[in-house]
């Protein structure tokens, strides 16, 4: 599931459930494969399920942008990669109080690196959502094989 400006799910609860499911699947995949999950900063996680591709850093660079740096440690041409970023905000943080219930906020975005990208590679992922990344409790960036055209 790639989130971008064109393909947004209109139901926030469904979007939160799908993103949560996606994160759970990735974490389970990590448990049963050679994927490397990195906790670069508390609450900000980078994970690659592409052989030889690792994150060297992931940072929040503005309210709606996440900057990442990828490195390829393999032989030959660097593989095509999809980078998906998601951010989840605690409901009490979203409205500024802990006494009033509100819905969780989910933000997301993606970028594609075609084969033969230069390593290391820094890129910015713009995210869409109704909150600021600075209010996010969890930011996850996943690099997976790009299978598009």
Protein backbone atom coordinates (compact mmCIF):
# COMPACT_ATOMS: atom_id res chain seq x y z
CA UNK A 1 0.00 0.00 0.00
CA UNK A 2 1.56 3.26 -1.10
CA UNK A 3 0.11 6.47 0.24
CA UNK A 4 0.30 9.58 -1.88
CA UNK A 5 -1.71 12.69 -2.69
CA UNK A 6 -3.84 10.94 -5.31
CA UNK A 7 -4.84 7.72 -3.57
CA UNK A 8 -6.07 8.53 -0.07
CA UNK A 9 -8.54 6.49 1.87
CA UNK A 10 -11.44 8.76 2.86
CA UNK A 11 -12.29 6.93 6.11
CA UNK A 12 -9.67 7.80 8.78
CA UNK A 13 -10.49 4.75 10.91
CA UNK A 14 -10.09 2.44 7.94
CA UNK A 15 -6.86 4.24 7.00
CA UNK A 16 -5.51 3.82 10.54
CA UNK A 17 -6.44 0.12 10.54
CA UNK A 18 -4.77 -0.44 7.16
CA UNK A 19 -1.59 1.38 8.17
CA UNK A 20 -1.49 -0.49 11.49
CA UNK A 21 -1.95 -3.76 9.61
CA UNK A 22 0.81 -2.80 7.16
CA UNK A 23 3.22 -2.01 10.01
CA UNK A 24 2.35 -5.30 11.75
CA UNK A 25 2.94 -7.27 8.55
CA UNK A 26 6.30 -5.59 8.03
CA UNK A 27 7.32 -6.27 11.62
CA UNK A 28 6.28 -9.92 11.29
CA UNK A 29 8.14 -10.16 8.00
CA UNK A 30 11.17 -8.80 9.81
CA UNK A 31 10.88 -11.56 12.39
CA UNK A 32 10.92 -14.31 9.77
CA UNK A 33 13.38 -12.94 7.21
CA UNK A 34 16.75 -11.29 6.92
CA UNK A 35 15.20 -7.80 7.01
CA UNK A 36 16.97 -5.37 9.28
CA UNK A 37 14.86 -3.07 11.47
CA UNK A 38 16.77 -0.10 12.76
CA UNK A 39 15.69 2.21 15.57
CA UNK A 40 17.63 5.29 14.59
CA UNK A 41 15.95 7.68 17.06
CA UNK A 42 13.33 6.69 19.66
CA UNK A 43 9.97 6.71 17.87
CA UNK A 44 11.56 6.86 14.40
CA UNK A 45 12.29 3.54 12.74
CA UNK A 46 13.78 2.60 9.38
CA UNK A 47 13.50 -0.91 7.97
CA UNK A 48 14.67 -2.37 4.70
CA UNK A 49 13.46 -5.65 3.23
CA UNK A 50 15.70 -5.17 0.18
CA UNK A 51 18.93 -7.19 0.20
CA UNK A 52 21.93 -4.89 0.64
CA UNK A 53 19.91 -1.69 1.23
CA UNK A 54 20.13 0.03 4.63
CA UNK A 55 19.06 3.34 6.12
CA UNK A 56 21.88 5.49 7.47
CA UNK A 57 19.51 8.12 8.84
CA UNK A 58 15.84 9.09 9.04
CA UNK A 59 14.81 12.53 10.31
CA UNK A 60 11.74 14.74 10.44
CA UNK A 61 12.78 17.70 8.32
CA UNK A 62 9.51 19.71 8.48
CA UNK A 63 5.86 19.41 9.50
CA UNK A 64 5.11 17.38 6.35
CA UNK A 65 8.51 15.98 5.26
CA UNK A 66 10.70 13.08 6.29
CA UNK A 67 14.27 12.99 5.02
CA UNK A 68 16.12 9.70 4.66
CA UNK A 69 19.50 8.46 3.51
CA UNK A 70 19.88 5.01 1.95
CA UNK A 71 23.03 3.06 1.25
CA UNK A 72 23.49 0.04 -1.02
CA UNK A 73 26.03 -2.53 0.17
CA UNK A 74 25.60 -5.07 -2.60
CA UNK A 75 27.31 -6.16 -5.75
CA UNK A 76 26.42 -4.64 -9.09
CA UNK A 77 23.62 -2.23 -9.84
CA UNK A 78 21.54 -0.87 -6.99
CA UNK A 79 18.02 -2.36 -7.06
CA UNK A 80 14.78 -0.43 -7.59
CA UNK A 81 13.27 0.49 -4.22
CA UNK A 82 9.97 1.86 -2.92
CA UNK A 83 10.26 3.88 0.27
CA UNK A 84 7.02 4.24 2.26
CA UNK A 85 6.79 6.53 5.28
CA UNK A 86 3.97 6.44 7.83
CA UNK A 87 3.45 8.45 10.99
CA UNK A 88 0.96 7.76 13.77
CA UNK A 89 -0.15 10.30 16.35
CA UNK A 90 -1.67 9.44 19.72
CA UNK A 91 -5.27 10.73 19.93
CA UNK A 92 -4.57 12.73 23.10
CA UNK A 93 -1.62 14.42 21.39
CA UNK A 94 -3.66 15.24 18.29
CA UNK A 95 -6.10 17.52 20.11
CA UNK A 96 -3.71 18.78 22.80
CA UNK A 97 -5.53 17.28 25.79
CA UNK A 98 -5.67 13.96 27.50
CA UNK A 99 -9.26 14.33 28.71
CA UNK A 100 -11.04 14.67 25.38
CA UNK A 101 -11.14 11.62 23.13
CA UNK A 102 -10.22 12.02 19.48
CA UNK A 103 -9.18 9.81 16.62
CA UNK A 104 -5.61 8.84 15.87
CA UNK A 105 -3.97 10.72 13.05
CA UNK A 106 -2.20 8.79 10.32
CA UNK A 107 0.02 10.42 7.74
CA UNK A 108 1.93 8.85 4.91
CA UNK A 109 3.85 9.27 1.69
CA UNK A 110 6.18 7.40 -0.65
CA UNK A 111 9.05 7.73 -3.11
CA UNK A 112 10.51 5.37 -5.72
CA UNK A 113 14.17 4.95 -6.58
CA UNK A 114 14.64 3.28 -9.96
CA UNK A 115 17.46 0.76 -10.46
CA UNK A 116 21.02 2.08 -10.60
CA UNK A 117 20.52 4.87 -8.03
CA UNK A 118 23.67 6.38 -6.58
CA UNK A 119 24.63 5.20 -3.12
CA UNK A 120 24.43 6.87 -0.67
CA UNK A 121 21.18 8.54 -1.66
CA UNK A 122 19.37 11.23 0.32
CA UNK A 123 15.74 11.96 -0.44
CA UNK A 124 12.74 13.74 1.02
CA UNK A 125 9.34 12.11 1.36
CA UNK A 126 6.37 14.46 1.52
CA UNK A 127 3.57 13.13 3.72
CA UNK A 128 -0.13 13.90 3.64
CA UNK A 129 -2.33 14.10 6.71
CA UNK A 130 -4.02 16.45 9.11
CA UNK A 131 -1.26 16.73 11.69
CA UNK A 132 2.39 17.66 12.00
CA UNK A 133 5.18 15.09 11.99
CA UNK A 134 6.53 16.84 15.07
CA UNK A 135 3.44 15.56 16.94
CA UNK A 136 3.90 11.95 15.75
CA UNK A 137 4.47 9.24 18.33
CA UNK A 138 5.75 6.73 15.77
CA UNK A 139 7.39 7.30 12.40
CA UNK A 140 8.20 4.23 10.32
CA UNK A 141 10.01 4.25 6.99
CA UNK A 142 10.16 0.99 5.02
CA UNK A 143 12.26 0.23 1.95
CA UNK A 144 10.80 -2.59 -0.15
CA UNK A 145 11.45 -3.90 -3.67
CA UNK A 146 9.91 -1.70 -6.39
CA UNK A 147 7.86 -3.86 -8.74
CA UNK A 148 6.27 -1.19 -10.95
CA UNK A 149 7.21 -0.20 -14.47
